[in-house]
Amino acid sequence: MKELLEYLARSLVDQPDDVRVDVIEGESSEILQLHVAQDDIGKVIGKQGRIAKSLRTLVKSAAVKDGKKAIVEIID
């Protein structure tokens, strides 16, 4: 899931080298913290949060295959 989120975020932003994903693992869930450059935060969130919602949906569906729950947080 981490690799999926990194790949998607890097394809969206202008500064792909600044993209970083930190994973906090729990018993049945994972929190993925997406770090991007300050200038790219709007590109990852999108208008009315549509891109962020899409990223969360894709990561959650990938997590279901592993029998886990995934939460995506976007951090600048």
N, C-alpha and C. Protein backbone atom coordinates (compact mmCIF):
# COMPACT_ATOMS: atom_id res chain seq x y z
N MET A 1 0.82 -1.19 0.00
CA MET A 1 0.00 0.00 0.00
C MET A 1 0.86 1.26 0.00
N LYS A 2 1.97 1.20 0.72
CA LYS A 2 2.88 2.33 0.76
C LYS A 2 3.40 2.65 -0.63
N GLU A 3 3.81 1.62 -1.36
CA GLU A 3 4.35 1.83 -2.70
C GLU A 3 3.29 2.39 -3.64
N LEU A 4 2.06 1.92 -3.52
CA LEU A 4 0.96 2.41 -4.35
C LEU A 4 0.74 3.90 -4.10
N LEU A 5 0.67 4.30 -2.85
CA LEU A 5 0.43 5.70 -2.51
C LEU A 5 1.60 6.58 -2.98
N GLU A 6 2.82 6.11 -2.81
CA GLU A 6 3.98 6.88 -3.28
C GLU A 6 3.93 7.06 -4.79
N TYR A 7 3.63 6.00 -5.50
CA TYR A 7 3.58 6.07 -6.97
C TYR A 7 2.51 7.06 -7.43
N LEU A 8 1.33 6.97 -6.86
CA LEU A 8 0.25 7.86 -7.26
C LEU A 8 0.57 9.32 -6.93
N ALA A 9 1.12 9.55 -5.75
CA ALA A 9 1.43 10.93 -5.34
C ALA A 9 2.55 11.52 -6.20
N ARG A 10 3.56 10.72 -6.50
CA ARG A 10 4.68 11.23 -7.32
C ARG A 10 4.22 11.60 -8.73
N SER A 11 3.23 10.91 -9.23
CA SER A 11 2.75 11.22 -10.58
C SER A 11 1.89 12.48 -10.59
N LEU A 12 1.44 12.95 -9.43
CA LEU A 12 0.59 14.13 -9.36
C LEU A 12 1.34 15.43 -9.13
N VAL A 13 2.46 15.38 -8.45
CA VAL A 13 3.12 16.59 -7.96
C VAL A 13 4.23 17.07 -8.89
N ASP A 14 4.67 18.32 -8.67
CA ASP A 14 5.77 18.90 -9.44
C ASP A 14 7.13 18.52 -8.86
N GLN A 15 7.18 18.22 -7.56
CA GLN A 15 8.43 17.88 -6.90
C GLN A 15 8.34 16.45 -6.35
N PRO A 16 8.48 15.45 -7.22
CA PRO A 16 8.31 14.06 -6.78
C PRO A 16 9.37 13.58 -5.80
N ASP A 17 10.52 14.24 -5.74
CA ASP A 17 11.56 13.82 -4.80
C ASP A 17 11.19 14.15 -3.35
N ASP A 18 10.25 15.08 -3.16
CA ASP A 18 9.83 15.46 -1.81
C ASP A 18 8.70 14.60 -1.27
N VAL A 19 8.22 13.65 -2.05
CA VAL A 19 7.12 12.78 -1.60
C VAL A 19 7.70 11.70 -0.68
N ARG A 20 7.06 11.54 0.47
CA ARG A 20 7.46 10.53 1.44
C ARG A 20 6.21 9.97 2.11
N VAL A 21 6.19 8.67 2.34
CA VAL A 21 5.07 8.03 3.02
C VAL A 21 5.60 7.32 4.25
N ASP A 22 5.06 7.70 5.40
CA ASP A 22 5.40 7.03 6.66
C ASP A 22 4.23 6.14 7.04
N VAL A 23 4.54 4.94 7.54
CA VAL A 23 3.50 3.98 7.89
C VAL A 23 3.53 3.74 9.39
N ILE A 24 2.36 3.88 10.01
CA ILE A 24 2.18 3.55 11.42
C ILE A 24 1.26 2.33 11.46
N GLU A 25 1.80 1.22 11.92
CA GLU A 25 1.04 -0.03 11.89
C GLU A 25 0.35 -0.29 13.22
N GLY A 26 -0.89 -0.74 13.11
CA GLY A 26 -1.66 -1.17 14.27
C GLY A 26 -1.97 -2.65 14.12
N GLU A 27 -2.83 -3.16 14.98
CA GLU A 27 -3.17 -4.58 14.92
C GLU A 27 -3.90 -4.94 13.63
N SER A 28 -4.92 -4.18 13.31
CA SER A 28 -5.70 -4.50 12.11
C SER A 28 -5.77 -3.33 11.13
N SER A 29 -5.01 -2.28 11.39
CA SER A 29 -5.07 -1.12 10.50
C SER A 29 -3.69 -0.49 10.34
N GLU A 30 -3.58 0.32 9.30
CA GLU A 30 -2.36 1.07 9.03
C GLU A 30 -2.73 2.52 8.78
N ILE A 31 -1.91 3.42 9.30
CA ILE A 31 -2.06 4.84 9.00
C ILE A 31 -0.91 5.21 8.08
N LEU A 32 -1.24 5.70 6.91
CA LEU A 32 -0.23 6.12 5.94
C LEU A 32 -0.21 7.64 5.92
N GLN A 33 0.92 8.22 6.31
CA GLN A 33 1.07 9.66 6.32
C GLN A 33 1.82 10.09 5.07
N LEU A 34 1.13 10.81 4.21
CA LEU A 34 1.70 11.27 2.95
C LEU A 34 2.27 12.67 3.13
N HIS A 35 3.58 12.79 2.96
CA HIS A 35 4.26 14.08 3.08
C HIS A 35 4.62 14.56 1.68
N VAL A 36 4.23 15.79 1.36
CA VAL A 36 4.56 16.40 0.06
C VAL A 36 5.09 17.81 0.31
N ALA A 37 5.67 18.41 -0.71
CA ALA A 37 6.17 19.79 -0.60
C ALA A 37 4.98 20.74 -0.41
N GLN A 38 5.24 21.85 0.26
CA GLN A 38 4.19 22.83 0.54
C GLN A 38 3.49 23.30 -0.74
N ASP A 39 4.24 23.47 -1.82
CA ASP A 39 3.67 23.94 -3.08
C ASP A 39 2.77 22.91 -3.74
N ASP A 40 2.95 21.64 -3.41
CA ASP A 40 2.20 20.57 -4.06
C ASP A 40 0.99 20.08 -3.27
N ILE A 41 0.75 20.64 -2.11
CA ILE A 41 -0.34 20.15 -1.27
C ILE A 41 -1.70 20.30 -1.96
N GLY A 42 -1.87 21.38 -2.71
CA GLY A 42 -3.13 21.60 -3.42
C GLY A 42 -3.35 20.60 -4.53
N LYS A 43 -2.29 20.16 -5.16
CA LYS A 43 -2.41 19.18 -6.24
C LYS A 43 -2.80 17.81 -5.71
N VAL A 44 -2.36 17.49 -4.51
CA VAL A 44 -2.69 16.19 -3.93
C VAL A 44 -4.11 16.19 -3.37
N ILE A 45 -4.55 17.34 -2.88
CA ILE A 45 -5.90 17.42 -2.33
C ILE A 45 -6.92 17.59 -3.46
N GLY A 46 -6.65 18.46 -4.40
CA GLY A 46 -7.55 18.67 -5.53
C GLY A 46 -8.72 19.57 -5.18
N LYS A 47 -9.51 19.89 -6.19
CA LYS A 47 -10.67 20.74 -5.99
C LYS A 47 -11.70 19.99 -5.15
N GLN A 48 -12.12 20.64 -4.07
CA GLN A 48 -13.09 20.09 -3.13
C GLN A 48 -12.68 18.72 -2.60
N GLY A 49 -11.38 18.44 -2.60
CA GLY A 49 -10.87 17.20 -2.03
C GLY A 49 -11.09 15.96 -2.87
N ARG A 50 -11.37 16.13 -4.14
CA ARG A 50 -11.68 14.98 -5.00
C ARG A 50 -10.48 14.04 -5.19
N ILE A 51 -9.31 14.59 -5.40
CA ILE A 51 -8.12 13.75 -5.61
C ILE A 51 -7.76 13.02 -4.33
N ALA A 52 -7.83 13.73 -3.19
CA ALA A 52 -7.54 13.09 -1.91
C ALA A 52 -8.52 11.95 -1.64
N LYS A 53 -9.77 12.17 -1.95
CA LYS A 53 -10.78 11.13 -1.75
C LYS A 53 -10.49 9.92 -2.64
N SER A 54 -10.08 10.17 -3.87
CA SER A 54 -9.74 9.09 -4.79
C SER A 54 -8.52 8.30 -4.31
N LEU A 55 -7.51 9.01 -3.82
CA LEU A 55 -6.33 8.34 -3.28
C LEU A 55 -6.71 7.45 -2.11
N ARG A 56 -7.54 7.97 -1.22
CA ARG A 56 -7.98 7.19 -0.06
C ARG A 56 -8.76 5.96 -0.48
N THR A 57 -9.62 6.11 -1.48
CA THR A 57 -10.41 4.98 -1.96
C THR A 57 -9.53 3.88 -2.54
N LEU A 58 -8.54 4.26 -3.35
CA LEU A 58 -7.64 3.27 -3.95
C LEU A 58 -6.82 2.54 -2.89
N VAL A 59 -6.31 3.27 -1.92
CA VAL A 59 -5.50 2.65 -0.87
C VAL A 59 -6.37 1.74 0.01
N LYS A 60 -7.58 2.18 0.32
CA LYS A 60 -8.47 1.34 1.13
C LYS A 60 -8.82 0.05 0.41
N SER A 61 -9.06 0.12 -0.89
CA SER A 61 -9.39 -1.09 -1.64
C SER A 61 -8.20 -2.04 -1.72
N ALA A 62 -6.99 -1.50 -1.79
CA ALA A 62 -5.79 -2.35 -1.77
C ALA A 62 -5.61 -2.99 -0.40
N ALA A 63 -5.98 -2.26 0.64
CA ALA A 63 -5.85 -2.78 2.01
C ALA A 63 -6.82 -3.92 2.28
N VAL A 64 -7.97 -3.86 1.67
CA VAL A 64 -8.98 -4.90 1.87
C VAL A 64 -8.46 -6.25 1.39
N LYS A 65 -7.66 -6.25 0.34
CA LYS A 65 -7.07 -7.49 -0.15
C LYS A 65 -6.18 -8.14 0.90
N ASP A 66 -5.51 -7.30 1.71
CA ASP A 66 -4.64 -7.79 2.76
C ASP A 66 -5.38 -8.03 4.07
N GLY A 67 -6.67 -7.75 4.08
CA GLY A 67 -7.47 -7.93 5.29
C GLY A 67 -7.19 -6.88 6.34
N LYS A 68 -6.81 -5.69 5.91
CA LYS A 68 -6.50 -4.60 6.82
C LYS A 68 -7.35 -3.39 6.51
N LYS A 69 -7.27 -2.42 7.39
CA LYS A 69 -7.93 -1.14 7.20
C LYS A 69 -6.84 -0.09 7.03
N ALA A 70 -6.98 0.81 6.07
CA ALA A 70 -5.96 1.81 5.80
C ALA A 70 -6.55 3.21 5.92
N ILE A 71 -5.78 4.09 6.54
CA ILE A 71 -6.17 5.48 6.70
C ILE A 71 -5.05 6.32 6.10
N VAL A 72 -5.42 7.26 5.21
CA VAL A 72 -4.43 8.12 4.56
C VAL A 72 -4.55 9.52 5.13
N GLU A 73 -3.44 10.04 5.63
CA GLU A 73 -3.36 11.42 6.12
C GLU A 73 -2.40 12.18 5.21
N ILE A 74 -2.82 13.39 4.80
CA ILE A 74 -1.97 14.19 3.93
C ILE A 74 -1.34 15.29 4.79
N ILE A 75 -0.01 15.32 4.80
CA ILE A 75 0.74 16.24 5.64
C ILE A 75 1.73 17.00 4.76
N ASP A 76 1.85 18.30 5.01
CA ASP A 76 2.83 19.07 4.23
C ASP A 76 4.15 19.13 4.92
